[in-house]
Amino acid sequence: MQRIAGAGAWLNALNLIPVWILDGGQAVTALDKMERAVILTTCLALWALSREGVFLLVAAGTVWRLFTKDLPPQPSRSTTAYFVIVLAGLAVVMWLVPGKGFGAP
């Protein structure tokens, strides 16, 4: 059951890549450049802590979106906070999967 939760967390994190029609691509349209930099920093920190490659994929998509011109007229701090909290929560679930985190060899 825990491995299913880990796979679900990984797939949800993959869906947060800010490109095309993925949910991350829809959410990032509400973020300005500074907020996108916060998402990038969060992804890199989560990757450094968890070594889950999916966070590098989200970071790569965020780097690309830093240079696009689809900035909102009014940025959304709540969307940024929600994005960061969801990423961190998914990282915790992935970390708790057997063989990682607690009790890992």
PDB file of N, CA and C in Angstrom:
ATOM      1  N   MET A   1       0.821  -1.195   0.000  1.00  0.00           N
ATOM      2  CA  MET A   1       0.000   0.000   0.000  1.00  0.00           C
ATOM      3  C   MET A   1       0.868   1.264   0.000  1.00  0.00           C
ATOM      4  N   GLN A   2       1.974   1.208   0.750  1.00  0.00           N
ATOM      5  CA  GLN A   2       2.845   2.386   0.807  1.00  0.00           C
ATOM      6  C   GLN A   2       3.504   2.655  -0.540  1.00  0.00           C
ATOM      7  N   ARG A   3       3.835   1.612  -1.244  1.00  0.00           N
ATOM      8  CA  ARG A   3       4.441   1.802  -2.567  1.00  0.00           C
ATOM      9  C   ARG A   3       3.443   2.429  -3.546  1.00  0.00           C
ATOM     10  N   ILE A   4       2.174   2.091  -3.404  1.00  0.00           N
ATOM     11  CA  ILE A   4       1.145   2.700  -4.257  1.00  0.00           C
ATOM     12  C   ILE A   4       1.046   4.191  -3.943  1.00  0.00           C
ATOM     13  N   ALA A   5       1.107   4.532  -2.663  1.00  0.00           N
ATOM     14  CA  ALA A   5       1.079   5.943  -2.273  1.00  0.00           C
ATOM     15  C   ALA A   5       2.292   6.674  -2.831  1.00  0.00           C
ATOM     16  N   GLY A   6       3.449   6.030  -2.801  1.00  0.00           N
ATOM     17  CA  GLY A   6       4.657   6.639  -3.360  1.00  0.00           C
ATOM     18  C   GLY A   6       4.548   6.849  -4.862  1.00  0.00           C
ATOM     19  N   ALA A   7       3.993   5.857  -5.556  1.00  0.00           N
ATOM     20  CA  ALA A   7       3.809   5.988  -7.009  1.00  0.00           C
ATOM     21  C   ALA A   7       2.797   7.084  -7.320  1.00  0.00           C
ATOM     22  N   GLY A   8       1.732   7.154  -6.529  1.00  0.00           N
ATOM     23  CA  GLY A   8       0.741   8.218  -6.712  1.00  0.00           C
ATOM     24  C   GLY A   8       1.339   9.598  -6.482  1.00  0.00           C
ATOM     25  N   ALA A   9       2.184   9.712  -5.453  1.00  0.00           N
ATOM     26  CA  ALA A   9       2.847  10.989  -5.180  1.00  0.00           C
ATOM     27  C   ALA A   9       3.768  11.365  -6.329  1.00  0.00           C
ATOM     28  N   TRP A  10       4.485  10.377  -6.865  1.00  0.00           N
ATOM     29  CA  TRP A  10       5.392  10.649  -7.977  1.00  0.00           C
ATOM     30  C   TRP A  10       4.615  11.122  -9.197  1.00  0.00           C
ATOM     31  N   LEU A  11       3.505  10.467  -9.499  1.00  0.00           N
ATOM     32  CA  LEU A  11       2.686  10.868 -10.649  1.00  0.00           C
ATOM     33  C   LEU A  11       2.082  12.258 -10.455  1.00  0.00           C
ATOM     34  N   ASN A  12       1.660  12.557  -9.232  1.00  0.00           N
ATOM     35  CA  ASN A  12       1.124  13.889  -8.958  1.00  0.00           C
ATOM     36  C   ASN A  12       2.201  14.958  -9.107  1.00  0.00           C
ATOM     37  N   ALA A  13       3.416  14.662  -8.650  1.00  0.00           N
ATOM     38  CA  ALA A  13       4.514  15.616  -8.821  1.00  0.00           C
ATOM     39  C   ALA A  13       4.831  15.802 -10.309  1.00  0.00           C
ATOM     40  N   LEU A  14       4.773  14.713 -11.071  1.00  0.00           N
ATOM     41  CA  LEU A  14       5.000  14.794 -12.516  1.00  0.00           C
ATOM     42  C   LEU A  14       3.955  15.696 -13.170  1.00  0.00           C
ATOM     43  N   ASN A  15       2.739  15.642 -12.693  1.00  0.00           N
ATOM     44  CA  ASN A  15       1.655  16.471 -13.219  1.00  0.00           C
ATOM     45  C   ASN A  15       1.878  17.957 -12.907  1.00  0.00           C
ATOM     46  N   LEU A  16       2.752  18.262 -11.970  1.00  0.00           N
ATOM     47  CA  LEU A  16       3.019  19.657 -11.609  1.00  0.00           C
ATOM     48  C   LEU A  16       4.113  20.306 -12.457  1.00  0.00           C
ATOM     49  N   ILE A  17       4.644  19.586 -13.433  1.00  0.00           N
ATOM     50  CA  ILE A  17       5.607  20.204 -14.348  1.00  0.00           C
ATOM     51  C   ILE A  17       4.872  21.329 -15.075  1.00  0.00           C
ATOM     52  N   PRO A  18       5.415  22.539 -15.029  1.00  0.00           N
ATOM     53  CA  PRO A  18       4.681  23.690 -15.595  1.00  0.00           C
ATOM     54  C   PRO A  18       4.795  23.825 -17.113  1.00  0.00           C
ATOM     55  N   VAL A  19       4.266  22.845 -17.810  1.00  0.00           N
ATOM     56  CA  VAL A  19       4.267  22.880 -19.273  1.00  0.00           C
ATOM     57  C   VAL A  19       2.895  22.498 -19.807  1.00  0.00           C
ATOM     58  N   TRP A  20       2.609  22.964 -20.966  1.00  0.00           N
ATOM     59  CA  TRP A  20       1.465  22.625 -21.790  1.00  0.00           C
ATOM     60  C   TRP A  20       0.192  22.481 -20.983  1.00  0.00           C
ATOM     61  N   ILE A  21      -0.458  21.321 -21.032  1.00  0.00           N
ATOM     62  CA  ILE A  21      -1.774  21.175 -20.403  1.00  0.00           C
ATOM     63  C   ILE A  21      -1.719  20.533 -19.016  1.00  0.00           C
ATOM     64  N   LEU A  22      -0.544  20.249 -18.510  1.00  0.00           N
ATOM     65  CA  LEU A  22      -0.452  19.678 -17.164  1.00  0.00           C
ATOM     66  C   LEU A  22      -0.937  20.698 -16.140  1.00  0.00           C
ATOM     67  N   ASP A  23      -1.318  20.230 -14.971  1.00  0.00           N
ATOM     68  CA  ASP A  23      -1.831  21.130 -13.938  1.00  0.00           C
ATOM     69  C   ASP A  23      -0.814  22.197 -13.550  1.00  0.00           C
ATOM     70  N   GLY A  24       0.462  21.826 -13.522  1.00  0.00           N
ATOM     71  CA  GLY A  24       1.499  22.820 -13.212  1.00  0.00           C
ATOM     72  C   GLY A  24       1.550  23.921 -14.253  1.00  0.00           C
ATOM     73  N   GLY A  25       1.292  23.580 -15.504  1.00  0.00           N
ATOM     74  CA  GLY A  25       1.266  24.575 -16.568  1.00  0.00           C
ATOM     75  C   GLY A  25       0.114  25.553 -16.414  1.00  0.00           C
ATOM     76  N   GLN A  26      -0.992  25.059 -15.888  1.00  0.00           N
ATOM     77  CA  GLN A  26      -2.136  25.943 -15.651  1.00  0.00           C
ATOM     78  C   GLN A  26      -1.891  26.833 -14.434  1.00  0.00           C
ATOM     79  N   ALA A  27      -1.293  26.275 -13.393  1.00  0.00           N
ATOM     80  CA  ALA A  27      -1.066  27.028 -12.154  1.00  0.00           C
ATOM     81  C   ALA A  27      -0.023  28.122 -12.339  1.00  0.00           C
ATOM     82  N   VAL A  28       1.003  27.847 -13.115  1.00  0.00           N
ATOM     83  CA  VAL A  28       2.104  28.804 -13.230  1.00  0.00           C
ATOM     84  C   VAL A  28       1.694  30.064 -14.002  1.00  0.00           C
ATOM     85  N   THR A  29       0.602  30.005 -14.734  1.00  0.00           N
ATOM     86  CA  THR A  29       0.143  31.207 -15.436  1.00  0.00           C
ATOM     87  C   THR A  29      -0.306  32.289 -14.469  1.00  0.00           C
ATOM     88  N   ALA A  30      -0.555  31.922 -13.201  1.00  0.00           N
ATOM     89  CA  ALA A  30      -0.954  32.903 -12.180  1.00  0.00           C
ATOM     90  C   ALA A  30       0.245  33.456 -11.420  1.00  0.00           C
ATOM     91  N   LEU A  31       1.464  33.045 -11.798  1.00  0.00           N
ATOM     92  CA  LEU A  31       2.658  33.427 -11.057  1.00  0.00           C
ATOM     93  C   LEU A  31       3.536  34.384 -11.848  1.00  0.00           C
ATOM     94  N   ASP A  32       4.111  35.369 -11.152  1.00  0.00           N
ATOM     95  CA  ASP A  32       5.067  36.264 -11.801  1.00  0.00           C
ATOM     96  C   ASP A  32       6.467  35.636 -11.730  1.00  0.00           C
ATOM     97  N   LYS A  33       7.470  36.339 -12.232  1.00  0.00           N
ATOM     98  CA  LYS A  33       8.821  35.784 -12.291  1.00  0.00           C
ATOM     99  C   LYS A  33       9.374  35.448 -10.906  1.00  0.00           C
ATOM    100  N   MET A  34       9.141  36.294  -9.921  1.00  0.00           N
ATOM    101  CA  MET A  34       9.653  36.035  -8.574  1.00  0.00           C
ATOM    102  C   MET A  34       9.003  34.783  -7.983  1.00  0.00           C
ATOM    103  N   GLU A  35       7.713  34.633  -8.174  1.00  0.00           N
ATOM    104  CA  GLU A  35       7.019  33.456  -7.659  1.00  0.00           C
ATOM    105  C   GLU A  35       7.478  32.183  -8.382  1.00  0.00           C
ATOM    106  N   ARG A  36       7.755  32.293  -9.652  1.00  0.00           N
ATOM    107  CA  ARG A  36       8.280  31.149 -10.399  1.00  0.00           C
ATOM    108  C   ARG A  36       9.665  30.783  -9.881  1.00  0.00           C
ATOM    109  N   ALA A  37      10.449  31.792  -9.504  1.00  0.00           N
ATOM    110  CA  ALA A  37      11.770  31.531  -8.913  1.00  0.00           C
ATOM    111  C   ALA A  37      11.624  30.820  -7.569  1.00  0.00           C
ATOM    112  N   VAL A  38      10.587  31.138  -6.826  1.00  0.00           N
ATOM    113  CA  VAL A  38      10.327  30.451  -5.554  1.00  0.00           C
ATOM    114  C   VAL A  38      10.026  28.972  -5.814  1.00  0.00           C
ATOM    115  N   ILE A  39       9.227  28.699  -6.829  1.00  0.00           N
ATOM    116  CA  ILE A  39       8.913  27.307  -7.185  1.00  0.00           C
ATOM    117  C   ILE A  39      10.187  26.583  -7.607  1.00  0.00           C
ATOM    118  N   LEU A  40      11.024  27.239  -8.405  1.00  0.00           N
ATOM    119  CA  LEU A  40      12.289  26.645  -8.842  1.00  0.00           C
ATOM    120  C   LEU A  40      13.175  26.317  -7.644  1.00  0.00           C
ATOM    121  N   THR A  41      13.318  27.262  -6.736  1.00  0.00           N
ATOM    122  CA  THR A  41      14.142  27.054  -5.544  1.00  0.00           C
ATOM    123  C   THR A  41      13.592  25.911  -4.697  1.00  0.00           C
ATOM    124  N   THR A  42      12.287  25.870  -4.552  1.00  0.00           N
ATOM    125  CA  THR A  42      11.653  24.794  -3.787  1.00  0.00           C
ATOM    126  C   THR A  42      11.939  23.434  -4.422  1.00  0.00           C
ATOM    127  N   CYS A  43      11.810  23.349  -5.735  1.00  0.00           N
ATOM    128  CA  CYS A  43      12.066  22.088  -6.435  1.00  0.00           C
ATOM    129  C   CYS A  43      13.505  21.637  -6.262  1.00  0.00           C
ATOM    130  N   LEU A  44      14.434  22.570  -6.375  1.00  0.00           N
ATOM    131  CA  LEU A  44      15.845  22.213  -6.217  1.00  0.00           C
ATOM    132  C   LEU A  44      16.145  21.773  -4.795  1.00  0.00           C
ATOM    133  N   ALA A  45      15.552  22.448  -3.810  1.00  0.00           N
ATOM    134  CA  ALA A  45      15.752  22.059  -2.413  1.00  0.00           C
ATOM    135  C   ALA A  45      15.156  20.675  -2.147  1.00  0.00           C
ATOM    136  N   LEU A  46      13.957  20.422  -2.675  1.00  0.00           N
ATOM    137  CA  LEU A  46      13.331  19.112  -2.485  1.00  0.00           C
ATOM    138  C   LEU A  46      14.130  18.012  -3.174  1.00  0.00           C
ATOM    139  N   TRP A  47      14.684  18.318  -4.340  1.00  0.00           N
ATOM    140  CA  TRP A  47      15.522  17.329  -5.013  1.00  0.00           C
ATOM    141  C   TRP A  47      16.777  17.045  -4.190  1.00  0.00           C
ATOM    142  N   ALA A  48      17.398  18.098  -3.649  1.00  0.00           N
ATOM    143  CA  ALA A  48      18.605  17.922  -2.848  1.00  0.00           C
ATOM    144  C   ALA A  48      18.330  17.075  -1.600  1.00  0.00           C
ATOM    145  N   LEU A  49      17.142  17.232  -1.028  1.00  0.00           N
ATOM    146  CA  LEU A  49      16.794  16.481   0.175  1.00  0.00           C
ATOM    147  C   LEU A  49      16.333  15.058  -0.125  1.00  0.00           C
ATOM    148  N   SER A  50      15.608  14.882  -1.223  1.00  0.00           N
ATOM    149  CA  SER A  50      14.992  13.576  -1.480  1.00  0.00           C
ATOM    150  C   SER A  50      15.676  12.767  -2.582  1.00  0.00           C
ATOM    151  N   ARG A  51      16.413  13.427  -3.448  1.00  0.00           N
ATOM    152  CA  ARG A  51      17.038  12.794  -4.613  1.00  0.00           C
ATOM    153  C   ARG A  51      16.017  12.169  -5.554  1.00  0.00           C
ATOM    154  N   GLU A  52      14.803  12.711  -5.557  1.00  0.00           N
ATOM    155  CA  GLU A  52      13.758  12.260  -6.478  1.00  0.00           C
ATOM    156  C   GLU A  52      13.868  13.085  -7.762  1.00  0.00           C
ATOM    157  N   GLY A  53      14.149  12.419  -8.871  1.00  0.00           N
ATOM    158  CA  GLY A  53      14.365  13.098 -10.141  1.00  0.00           C
ATOM    159  C   GLY A  53      13.173  13.878 -10.660  1.00  0.00           C
ATOM    160  N   VAL A  54      11.983  13.533 -10.203  1.00  0.00           N
ATOM    161  CA  VAL A  54      10.788  14.231 -10.671  1.00  0.00           C
ATOM    162  C   VAL A  54      10.852  15.718 -10.300  1.00  0.00           C
ATOM    163  N   PHE A  55      11.515  16.059  -9.192  1.00  0.00           N
ATOM    164  CA  PHE A  55      11.628  17.460  -8.808  1.00  0.00           C
ATOM    165  C   PHE A  55      12.556  18.222  -9.763  1.00  0.00           C
ATOM    166  N   LEU A  56      13.514  17.518 -10.359  1.00  0.00           N
ATOM    167  CA  LEU A  56      14.350  18.159 -11.383  1.00  0.00           C
ATOM    168  C   LEU A  56      13.539  18.426 -12.653  1.00  0.00           C
ATOM    169  N   LEU A  57      12.601  17.533 -12.961  1.00  0.00           N
ATOM    170  CA  LEU A  57      11.734  17.761 -14.123  1.00  0.00           C
ATOM    171  C   LEU A  57      10.843  18.981 -13.905  1.00  0.00           C
ATOM    172  N   VAL A  58      10.286  19.102 -12.700  1.00  0.00           N
ATOM    173  CA  VAL A  58       9.462  20.272 -12.383  1.00  0.00           C
ATOM    174  C   VAL A  58      10.333  21.530 -12.422  1.00  0.00           C
ATOM    175  N   ALA A  59      11.556  21.438 -11.904  1.00  0.00           N
ATOM    176  CA  ALA A  59      12.473  22.577 -11.926  1.00  0.00           C
ATOM    177  C   ALA A  59      12.811  22.984 -13.363  1.00  0.00           C
ATOM    178  N   ALA A  60      13.046  21.996 -14.230  1.00  0.00           N
ATOM    179  CA  ALA A  60      13.383  22.300 -15.628  1.00  0.00           C
ATOM    180  C   ALA A  60      12.218  23.019 -16.315  1.00  0.00           C
ATOM    181  N   GLY A  61      11.009  22.554 -16.076  1.00  0.00           N
ATOM    182  CA  GLY A  61       9.845  23.230 -16.641  1.00  0.00           C
ATOM    183  C   GLY A  61       9.704  24.642 -16.098  1.00  0.00           C
ATOM    184  N   THR A  62      10.030  24.829 -14.836  1.00  0.00           N
ATOM    185  CA  THR A  62       9.944  26.151 -14.220  1.00  0.00           C
ATOM    186  C   THR A  62      10.991  27.092 -14.796  1.00  0.00           C
ATOM    187  N   VAL A  63      12.187  26.583 -15.060  1.00  0.00           N
ATOM    188  CA  VAL A  63      13.224  27.416 -15.695  1.00  0.00           C
ATOM    189  C   VAL A  63      12.716  27.912 -17.038  1.00  0.00           C
ATOM    190  N   TRP A  64      12.127  27.021 -17.811  1.00  0.00           N
ATOM    191  CA  TRP A  64      11.589  27.426 -19.113  1.00  0.00           C
ATOM    192  C   TRP A  64      10.533  28.509 -18.938  1.00  0.00           C
ATOM    193  N   ARG A  65       9.637  28.341 -17.949  1.00  0.00           N
ATOM    194  CA  ARG A  65       8.558  29.311 -17.745  1.00  0.00           C
ATOM    195  C   ARG A  65       9.055  30.631 -17.162  1.00  0.00           C
ATOM    196  N   LEU A  66      10.264  30.649 -16.627  1.00  0.00           N
ATOM    197  CA  LEU A  66      10.843  31.925 -16.176  1.00  0.00           C
ATOM    198  C   LEU A  66      11.067  32.876 -17.344  1.00  0.00           C
ATOM    199  N   PHE A  67      11.259  32.336 -18.534  1.00  0.00           N
ATOM    200  CA  PHE A  67      11.596  33.148 -19.697  1.00  0.00           C
ATOM    201  C   PHE A  67      10.447  33.320 -20.689  1.00  0.00           C
ATOM    202  N   THR A  68       9.281  32.799 -20.351  1.00  0.00           N
ATOM    203  CA  THR A  68       8.125  33.026 -21.219  1.00  0.00           C
ATOM    204  C   THR A  68       7.477  34.356 -20.847  1.00  0.00           C
ATOM    205  N   LYS A  69       6.666  34.872 -21.741  1.00  0.00           N
ATOM    206  CA  LYS A  69       6.073  36.200 -21.526  1.00  0.00           C
ATOM    207  C   LYS A  69       4.600  36.114 -21.142  1.00  0.00           C
ATOM    208  N   ASP A  70       4.227  35.037 -20.476  1.00  0.00           N
ATOM    209  CA  ASP A  70       2.825  34.837 -20.095  1.00  0.00           C
ATOM    210  C   ASP A  70       2.578  35.229 -18.635  1.00  0.00           C
ATOM    211  N   LEU A  71       3.082  36.382 -18.249  1.00  0.00           N
ATOM    212  CA  LEU A  71       2.943  36.838 -16.872  1.00  0.00           C
ATOM    213  C   LEU A  71       1.538  37.380 -16.611  1.00  0.00           C
ATOM    214  N   PRO A  72       1.018  37.142 -15.417  1.00  0.00           N
ATOM    215  CA  PRO A  72      -0.333  37.609 -15.104  1.00  0.00           C
ATOM    216  C   PRO A  72      -0.339  39.097 -14.768  1.00  0.00           C
ATOM    217  N   PRO A  73      -1.475  39.772 -14.946  1.00  0.00           N
ATOM    218  CA  PRO A  73      -1.555  41.181 -14.545  1.00  0.00           C
ATOM    219  C   PRO A  73      -1.462  41.341 -13.030  1.00  0.00           C
ATOM    220  N   GLN A  74      -1.983  40.358 -12.302  1.00  0.00           N
ATOM    221  CA  GLN A  74      -1.940  40.374 -10.834  1.00  0.00           C
ATOM    222  C   GLN A  74      -1.446  39.006 -10.361  1.00  0.00           C
ATOM    223  N   PRO A  75      -0.214  38.914  -9.801  1.00  0.00           N
ATOM    224  CA  PRO A  75       0.289  37.613  -9.348  1.00  0.00           C
ATOM    225  C   PRO A  75      -0.510  37.071  -8.163  1.00  0.00           C
ATOM    226  N   SER A  76      -0.430  35.778  -7.964  1.00  0.00           N
ATOM    227  CA  SER A  76      -1.204  35.112  -6.919  1.00  0.00           C
ATOM    228  C   SER A  76      -0.276  34.488  -5.884  1.00  0.00           C
ATOM    229  N   ARG A  77      -0.146  35.140  -4.745  1.00  0.00           N
ATOM    230  CA  ARG A  77       0.686  34.611  -3.657  1.00  0.00           C
ATOM    231  C   ARG A  77       0.094  33.309  -3.104  1.00  0.00           C
ATOM    232  N   SER A  78      -1.223  33.216  -3.095  1.00  0.00           N
ATOM    233  CA  SER A  78      -1.853  32.002  -2.566  1.00  0.00           C
ATOM    234  C   SER A  78      -1.575  30.794  -3.465  1.00  0.00           C
ATOM    235  N   THR A  79      -1.524  31.007  -4.768  1.00  0.00           N
ATOM    236  CA  THR A  79      -1.187  29.912  -5.681  1.00  0.00           C
ATOM    237  C   THR A  79       0.241  29.459  -5.458  1.00  0.00           C
ATOM    238  N   THR A  80       1.140  30.405  -5.229  1.00  0.00           N
ATOM    239  CA  THR A  80       2.538  30.061  -4.946  1.00  0.00           C
ATOM    240  C   THR A  80       2.630  29.226  -3.675  1.00  0.00           C
ATOM    241  N   ALA A  81       1.964  29.674  -2.629  1.00  0.00           N
ATOM    242  CA  ALA A  81       1.995  28.944  -1.357  1.00  0.00           C
ATOM    243  C   ALA A  81       1.413  27.545  -1.525  1.00  0.00           C
ATOM    244  N   TYR A  82       0.306  27.448  -2.230  1.00  0.00           N
ATOM    245  CA  TYR A  82      -0.329  26.151  -2.451  1.00  0.00           C
ATOM    246  C   TYR A  82       0.594  25.218  -3.243  1.00  0.00           C
ATOM    247  N   PHE A  83       1.234  25.734  -4.277  1.00  0.00           N
ATOM    248  CA  PHE A  83       2.147  24.959  -5.116  1.00  0.00           C
ATOM    249  C   PHE A  83       3.294  24.412  -4.261  1.00  0.00           C
ATOM    250  N   VAL A  84       3.880  25.273  -3.425  1.00  0.00           N
ATOM    251  CA  VAL A  84       4.997  24.865  -2.560  1.00  0.00           C
ATOM    252  C   VAL A  84       4.541  23.810  -1.552  1.00  0.00           C
ATOM    253  N   ILE A  85       3.382  24.012  -0.943  1.00  0.00           N
ATOM    254  CA  ILE A  85       2.875  23.058   0.054  1.00  0.00           C
ATOM    255  C   ILE A  85       2.594  21.699  -0.583  1.00  0.00           C
ATOM    256  N   VAL A  86       2.015  21.704  -1.770  1.00  0.00           N
ATOM    257  CA  VAL A  86       1.727  20.437  -2.454  1.00  0.00           C
ATOM    258  C   VAL A  86       3.034  19.723  -2.811  1.00  0.00           C
ATOM    259  N   LEU A  87       4.011  20.452  -3.344  1.00  0.00           N
ATOM    260  CA  LEU A  87       5.303  19.838  -3.664  1.00  0.00           C
ATOM    261  C   LEU A  87       5.948  19.237  -2.420  1.00  0.00           C
ATOM    262  N   ALA A  88       5.945  19.981  -1.325  1.00  0.00           N
ATOM    263  CA  ALA A  88       6.550  19.490  -0.082  1.00  0.00           C
ATOM    264  C   ALA A  88       5.794  18.267   0.445  1.00  0.00           C
ATOM    265  N   GLY A  89       4.490  18.292   0.385  1.00  0.00           N
ATOM    266  CA  GLY A  89       3.701  17.148   0.836  1.00  0.00           C
ATOM    267  C   GLY A  89       3.979  15.901   0.008  1.00  0.00           C
ATOM    268  N   LEU A  90       4.088  16.073  -1.299  1.00  0.00           N
ATOM    269  CA  LEU A  90       4.399  14.937  -2.165  1.00  0.00           C
ATOM    270  C   LEU A  90       5.799  14.399  -1.871  1.00  0.00           C
ATOM    271  N   ALA A  91       6.738  15.292  -1.588  1.00  0.00           N
ATOM    272  CA  ALA A  91       8.093  14.860  -1.240  1.00  0.00           C
ATOM    273  C   ALA A  91       8.080  14.035   0.041  1.00  0.00           C
ATOM    274  N   VAL A  92       7.281  14.443   1.016  1.00  0.00           N
ATOM    275  CA  VAL A  92       7.185  13.687   2.270  1.00  0.00           C
ATOM    276  C   VAL A  92       6.618  12.293   2.010  1.00  0.00           C
ATOM    277  N   VAL A  93       5.577  12.206   1.210  1.00  0.00           N
ATOM    278  CA  VAL A  93       4.993  10.890   0.901  1.00  0.00           C
ATOM    279  C   VAL A  93       6.028  10.011   0.206  1.00  0.00           C
ATOM    280  N   MET A  94       6.754  10.556  -0.763  1.00  0.00           N
ATOM    281  CA  MET A  94       7.776   9.771  -1.455  1.00  0.00           C
ATOM    282  C   MET A  94       8.877   9.332  -0.500  1.00  0.00           C
ATOM    283  N   TRP A  95       9.206  10.197   0.456  1.00  0.00           N
ATOM    284  CA  TRP A  95      10.267   9.902   1.413  1.00  0.00           C
ATOM    285  C   TRP A  95       9.864   8.788   2.375  1.00  0.00           C
ATOM    286  N   LEU A  96       8.583   8.679   2.668  1.00  0.00           N
ATOM    287  CA  LEU A  96       8.098   7.672   3.613  1.00  0.00           C
ATOM    288  C   LEU A  96       7.907   6.286   2.999  1.00  0.00           C
ATOM    289  N   VAL A  97       8.112   6.165   1.697  1.00  0.00           N
ATOM    290  CA  VAL A  97       7.989   4.865   1.033  1.00  0.00           C
ATOM    291  C   VAL A  97       9.090   3.944   1.569  1.00  0.00           C
ATOM    292  N   PRO A  98       8.760   2.688   1.845  1.00  0.00           N
ATOM    293  CA  PRO A  98       9.789   1.749   2.345  1.00  0.00           C
ATOM    294  C   PRO A  98      11.014   1.707   1.440  1.00  0.00           C
ATOM    295  N   GLY A  99      12.171   1.659   2.074  1.00  0.00           N
ATOM    296  CA  GLY A  99      13.434   1.667   1.345  1.00  0.00           C
ATOM    297  C   GLY A  99      14.003   3.046   1.164  1.00  0.00           C
ATOM    298  N   LYS A 100      13.249   4.078   1.590  1.00  0.00           N
ATOM    299  CA  LYS A 100      13.698   5.456   1.531  1.00  0.00           C
ATOM    300  C   LYS A 100      13.404   6.078   2.889  1.00  0.00           C
ATOM    301  N   GLY A 101      13.981   7.190   3.188  1.00  0.00           N
ATOM    302  CA  GLY A 101      13.664   7.903   4.429  1.00  0.00           C
ATOM    303  C   GLY A 101      13.972   7.074   5.653  1.00  0.00           C
ATOM    304  N   PHE A 102      12.990   6.891   6.527  1.00  0.00           N
ATOM    305  CA  PHE A 102      13.168   6.144   7.768  1.00  0.00           C
ATOM    306  C   PHE A 102      13.561   4.703   7.481  1.00  0.00           C
ATOM    307  N   GLY A 103      14.592   4.228   8.119  1.00  0.00           N
ATOM    308  CA  GLY A 103      14.983   2.830   8.010  1.00  0.00           C
ATOM    309  C   GLY A 103      15.617   2.433   6.698  1.00  0.00           C
ATOM    310  N   ALA A 104      16.010   3.401   5.875  1.00  0.00           N
ATOM    311  CA  ALA A 104      16.640   3.073   4.593  1.00  0.00           C
ATOM    312  C   ALA A 104      18.040   2.537   4.845  1.00  0.00           C
ATOM    313  N   PRO A 105      18.464   1.567   4.027  1.00  0.00           N
ATOM    314  CA  PRO A 105      19.822   1.007   4.210  1.00  0.00           C
ATOM    315  C   PRO A 105      20.902   1.999   3.871  1.00  0.00           C
TER     316      PRO A 105
END
